[in-house]
Amino acid sequence: MKRRYLAVLGLLVIMAMVLSACGGGAPATEAPAAPAEPAATEAPAEAAAPAEEASQQPFVRDSQKIGRNDPCWCGSGKKFKQCHGKLS
């Protein structure tokens, strides 16, 4: 129970920092109010998720997707995964 509470509290702190970076919400220096019951905070988030999904448009690619083993688009002669497709 304590881990779940800390996880919810951590998410609230992250949300507060994102809102303050965007210019909305409370400043990041103020601590967010602790929820009385973690299960109560999960229900509204689940109800809001379908509304956000309905407003988003699906991504449509203009050209064919480049596979990891295909030659890189830059013309280096390397595979995409060894050139521009490297993870880090």
N, C-alpha and C. Protein backbone atom coordinates (compact mmCIF):
# COMPACT_ATOMS: atom_id res chain seq x y z
N MET A 1 0.83 -1.20 0.00
CA MET A 1 0.00 0.00 0.00
C MET A 1 0.87 1.25 0.00
N LYS A 2 1.98 1.21 0.77
CA LYS A 2 2.84 2.38 0.86
C LYS A 2 3.52 2.63 -0.48
N ARG A 3 3.94 1.57 -1.19
CA ARG A 3 4.57 1.74 -2.49
C ARG A 3 3.59 2.37 -3.48
N ARG A 4 2.35 1.92 -3.45
CA ARG A 4 1.34 2.47 -4.36
C ARG A 4 1.11 3.95 -4.07
N TYR A 5 1.06 4.30 -2.80
CA TYR A 5 0.87 5.69 -2.41
C TYR A 5 2.04 6.53 -2.91
N LEU A 6 3.27 6.03 -2.75
CA LEU A 6 4.44 6.77 -3.19
C LEU A 6 4.47 6.90 -4.72
N ALA A 7 4.02 5.87 -5.42
CA ALA A 7 3.97 5.94 -6.88
C ALA A 7 2.97 7.00 -7.33
N VAL A 8 1.81 7.04 -6.71
CA VAL A 8 0.80 8.04 -7.07
C VAL A 8 1.30 9.43 -6.73
N LEU A 9 1.95 9.56 -5.59
CA LEU A 9 2.49 10.86 -5.19
C LEU A 9 3.58 11.31 -6.16
N GLY A 10 4.42 10.37 -6.60
CA GLY A 10 5.45 10.71 -7.58
C GLY A 10 4.86 11.17 -8.89
N LEU A 11 3.79 10.51 -9.34
CA LEU A 11 3.13 10.93 -10.57
C LEU A 11 2.53 12.32 -10.45
N LEU A 12 1.99 12.62 -9.28
CA LEU A 12 1.42 13.95 -9.06
C LEU A 12 2.50 15.02 -9.11
N VAL A 13 3.67 14.72 -8.56
CA VAL A 13 4.77 15.68 -8.59
C VAL A 13 5.23 15.90 -10.03
N ILE A 14 5.33 14.83 -10.81
CA ILE A 14 5.74 14.96 -12.21
C ILE A 14 4.71 15.77 -12.98
N MET A 15 3.43 15.51 -12.75
CA MET A 15 2.38 16.26 -13.43
C MET A 15 2.45 17.74 -13.08
N ALA A 16 2.75 18.05 -11.82
CA ALA A 16 2.85 19.45 -11.39
C ALA A 16 4.03 20.13 -12.08
N MET A 17 5.15 19.41 -12.24
CA MET A 17 6.31 20.00 -12.91
C MET A 17 6.01 20.24 -14.38
N VAL A 18 5.31 19.33 -15.03
CA VAL A 18 4.97 19.51 -16.44
C VAL A 18 4.03 20.69 -16.61
N LEU A 19 3.05 20.79 -15.74
CA LEU A 19 2.11 21.91 -15.83
C LEU A 19 2.81 23.24 -15.60
N SER A 20 3.74 23.29 -14.66
CA SER A 20 4.43 24.55 -14.40
C SER A 20 5.36 24.90 -15.55
N ALA A 21 5.93 23.90 -16.23
CA ALA A 21 6.79 24.17 -17.38
C ALA A 21 5.97 24.71 -18.55
N CYS A 22 4.72 24.29 -18.65
CA CYS A 22 3.85 24.76 -19.73
C CYS A 22 3.21 26.10 -19.40
N GLY A 23 3.37 26.56 -18.19
CA GLY A 23 2.82 27.84 -17.80
C GLY A 23 1.46 27.74 -17.14
N GLY A 24 0.96 26.56 -16.91
CA GLY A 24 -0.34 26.39 -16.28
C GLY A 24 -0.20 25.67 -14.96
N GLY A 25 -1.23 25.72 -14.18
CA GLY A 25 -1.24 24.98 -12.92
C GLY A 25 -0.46 25.68 -11.83
N ALA A 26 -0.21 24.96 -10.75
CA ALA A 26 0.51 25.49 -9.60
C ALA A 26 2.00 25.49 -9.88
N PRO A 27 2.76 26.41 -9.25
CA PRO A 27 4.21 26.40 -9.41
C PRO A 27 4.81 25.10 -8.89
N ALA A 28 5.97 24.72 -9.42
CA ALA A 28 6.60 23.44 -9.07
C ALA A 28 7.10 23.43 -7.63
N THR A 29 7.26 24.61 -7.00
CA THR A 29 7.79 24.66 -5.64
C THR A 29 6.74 24.20 -4.63
N GLU A 30 5.47 24.30 -4.97
CA GLU A 30 4.43 23.86 -4.04
C GLU A 30 4.21 22.37 -4.19
N ALA A 31 4.04 21.69 -3.08
CA ALA A 31 3.78 20.25 -3.11
C ALA A 31 2.31 20.03 -3.46
N PRO A 32 2.01 19.07 -4.32
CA PRO A 32 0.61 18.80 -4.65
C PRO A 32 -0.11 18.17 -3.47
N ALA A 33 -1.40 18.36 -3.42
CA ALA A 33 -2.19 17.79 -2.33
C ALA A 33 -2.19 16.28 -2.44
N ALA A 34 -2.00 15.60 -1.31
CA ALA A 34 -1.99 14.14 -1.30
C ALA A 34 -3.41 13.62 -1.46
N PRO A 35 -3.61 12.61 -2.29
CA PRO A 35 -4.96 12.08 -2.47
C PRO A 35 -5.42 11.33 -1.21
N ALA A 36 -6.70 11.45 -0.92
CA ALA A 36 -7.23 10.78 0.26
C ALA A 36 -7.24 9.27 0.05
N GLU A 37 -7.52 8.85 -1.18
CA GLU A 37 -7.60 7.43 -1.48
C GLU A 37 -7.06 7.22 -2.89
N PRO A 38 -6.00 6.41 -3.08
CA PRO A 38 -5.42 6.24 -4.42
C PRO A 38 -6.41 5.69 -5.44
N ALA A 39 -7.32 4.81 -5.05
CA ALA A 39 -8.27 4.24 -6.00
C ALA A 39 -9.21 5.32 -6.54
N ALA A 40 -9.49 6.35 -5.75
CA ALA A 40 -10.39 7.41 -6.18
C ALA A 40 -9.75 8.25 -7.28
N THR A 41 -8.42 8.38 -7.29
CA THR A 41 -7.77 9.19 -8.31
C THR A 41 -7.64 8.44 -9.63
N GLU A 42 -7.71 7.10 -9.61
CA GLU A 42 -7.55 6.33 -10.84
C GLU A 42 -8.82 6.34 -11.69
N ALA A 43 -9.98 6.38 -11.10
CA ALA A 43 -11.24 6.30 -11.85
C ALA A 43 -11.42 7.47 -12.81
N PRO A 44 -11.19 8.75 -12.41
CA PRO A 44 -11.37 9.84 -13.37
C PRO A 44 -10.35 9.78 -14.51
N ALA A 45 -9.14 9.30 -14.24
CA ALA A 45 -8.14 9.22 -15.30
C ALA A 45 -8.56 8.20 -16.36
N GLU A 46 -9.17 7.10 -15.95
CA GLU A 46 -9.63 6.10 -16.90
C GLU A 46 -10.81 6.62 -17.71
N ALA A 47 -11.66 7.43 -17.10
CA ALA A 47 -12.82 7.96 -17.79
C ALA A 47 -12.40 9.02 -18.81
N ALA A 48 -11.31 9.75 -18.55
CA ALA A 48 -10.86 10.80 -19.45
C ALA A 48 -10.08 10.23 -20.63
N ALA A 49 -9.51 9.06 -20.51
CA ALA A 49 -8.68 8.48 -21.56
C ALA A 49 -9.45 8.25 -22.86
N PRO A 50 -10.66 7.67 -22.86
CA PRO A 50 -11.37 7.47 -24.13
C PRO A 50 -11.70 8.79 -24.85
N ALA A 51 -11.96 9.86 -24.10
CA ALA A 51 -12.28 11.14 -24.72
C ALA A 51 -11.06 11.68 -25.47
N GLU A 52 -9.86 11.49 -24.91
CA GLU A 52 -8.65 11.96 -25.57
C GLU A 52 -8.37 11.14 -26.82
N GLU A 53 -8.60 9.83 -26.77
CA GLU A 53 -8.34 8.97 -27.91
C GLU A 53 -9.26 9.30 -29.08
N ALA A 54 -10.48 9.69 -28.81
CA ALA A 54 -11.43 9.98 -29.86
C ALA A 54 -11.03 11.24 -30.62
N SER A 55 -10.39 12.20 -29.97
CA SER A 55 -10.03 13.45 -30.62
C SER A 55 -8.73 13.33 -31.41
N GLN A 56 -7.92 12.30 -31.18
CA GLN A 56 -6.66 12.14 -31.90
C GLN A 56 -6.89 11.47 -33.25
N GLN A 57 -6.13 11.91 -34.23
CA GLN A 57 -6.19 11.32 -35.56
C GLN A 57 -5.10 10.27 -35.69
N PRO A 58 -5.35 9.17 -36.40
CA PRO A 58 -4.30 8.16 -36.58
C PRO A 58 -3.19 8.69 -37.48
N PHE A 59 -1.97 8.25 -37.22
CA PHE A 59 -0.82 8.66 -38.02
C PHE A 59 -0.83 7.91 -39.34
N VAL A 60 -0.71 8.64 -40.45
CA VAL A 60 -0.67 8.04 -41.77
C VAL A 60 0.70 8.38 -42.37
N ARG A 61 1.47 7.34 -42.70
CA ARG A 61 2.81 7.51 -43.24
C ARG A 61 2.72 7.81 -44.74
N ASP A 62 3.50 8.82 -45.22
CA ASP A 62 3.51 9.18 -46.64
C ASP A 62 4.23 8.13 -47.48
N SER A 63 5.32 7.60 -46.97
CA SER A 63 6.09 6.61 -47.71
C SER A 63 6.13 5.30 -46.93
N GLN A 64 6.77 4.28 -47.51
CA GLN A 64 6.85 2.98 -46.86
C GLN A 64 7.79 3.06 -45.66
N LYS A 65 7.48 2.33 -44.61
CA LYS A 65 8.29 2.31 -43.40
C LYS A 65 9.64 1.67 -43.68
N ILE A 66 10.71 2.26 -43.12
CA ILE A 66 12.06 1.73 -43.29
C ILE A 66 12.27 0.66 -42.23
N GLY A 67 12.63 -0.55 -42.64
CA GLY A 67 12.92 -1.63 -41.70
C GLY A 67 14.32 -1.50 -41.15
N ARG A 68 14.57 -2.15 -40.04
CA ARG A 68 15.89 -2.06 -39.41
C ARG A 68 16.99 -2.66 -40.28
N ASN A 69 16.67 -3.69 -41.07
CA ASN A 69 17.69 -4.34 -41.91
C ASN A 69 17.75 -3.78 -43.31
N ASP A 70 16.94 -2.79 -43.63
CA ASP A 70 16.98 -2.16 -44.95
C ASP A 70 18.18 -1.22 -45.01
N PRO A 71 18.65 -0.91 -46.23
CA PRO A 71 19.74 0.07 -46.35
C PRO A 71 19.28 1.43 -45.82
N CYS A 72 20.22 2.16 -45.23
CA CYS A 72 19.88 3.46 -44.65
C CYS A 72 19.49 4.45 -45.75
N TRP A 73 18.61 5.37 -45.43
CA TRP A 73 18.10 6.33 -46.39
C TRP A 73 19.16 7.38 -46.76
N CYS A 74 20.23 7.51 -45.97
CA CYS A 74 21.22 8.55 -46.23
C CYS A 74 22.20 8.16 -47.34
N GLY A 75 22.21 6.87 -47.73
CA GLY A 75 23.08 6.44 -48.81
C GLY A 75 24.47 6.02 -48.36
N SER A 76 24.66 5.78 -47.08
CA SER A 76 25.98 5.39 -46.57
C SER A 76 26.34 3.96 -46.93
N GLY A 77 25.38 3.13 -47.28
CA GLY A 77 25.62 1.74 -47.58
C GLY A 77 25.48 0.84 -46.37
N LYS A 78 25.29 1.42 -45.20
CA LYS A 78 25.10 0.65 -43.98
C LYS A 78 23.63 0.30 -43.82
N LYS A 79 23.37 -0.69 -42.96
CA LYS A 79 21.99 -0.99 -42.61
C LYS A 79 21.46 0.17 -41.76
N PHE A 80 20.15 0.37 -41.84
CA PHE A 80 19.52 1.44 -41.08
C PHE A 80 19.81 1.32 -39.58
N LYS A 81 19.81 0.09 -39.05
CA LYS A 81 20.02 -0.11 -37.62
C LYS A 81 21.44 0.22 -37.19
N GLN A 82 22.40 0.22 -38.12
CA GLN A 82 23.78 0.55 -37.79
C GLN A 82 24.11 2.00 -38.11
N CYS A 83 23.20 2.71 -38.75
CA CYS A 83 23.46 4.09 -39.15
C CYS A 83 22.53 5.06 -38.39
N HIS A 84 21.48 5.51 -39.02
CA HIS A 84 20.55 6.46 -38.39
C HIS A 84 19.54 5.79 -37.47
N GLY A 85 19.44 4.48 -37.49
CA GLY A 85 18.48 3.79 -36.64
C GLY A 85 19.06 3.33 -35.33
N LYS A 86 20.32 3.72 -35.01
CA LYS A 86 20.93 3.31 -33.75
C LYS A 86 20.15 3.90 -32.59
N LEU A 87 19.94 3.07 -31.55
CA LEU A 87 19.19 3.52 -30.39
C LEU A 87 19.97 4.53 -29.58
N SER A 88 21.26 4.31 -29.39
CA SER A 88 22.10 5.27 -28.63
C SER A 88 23.54 5.07 -28.96
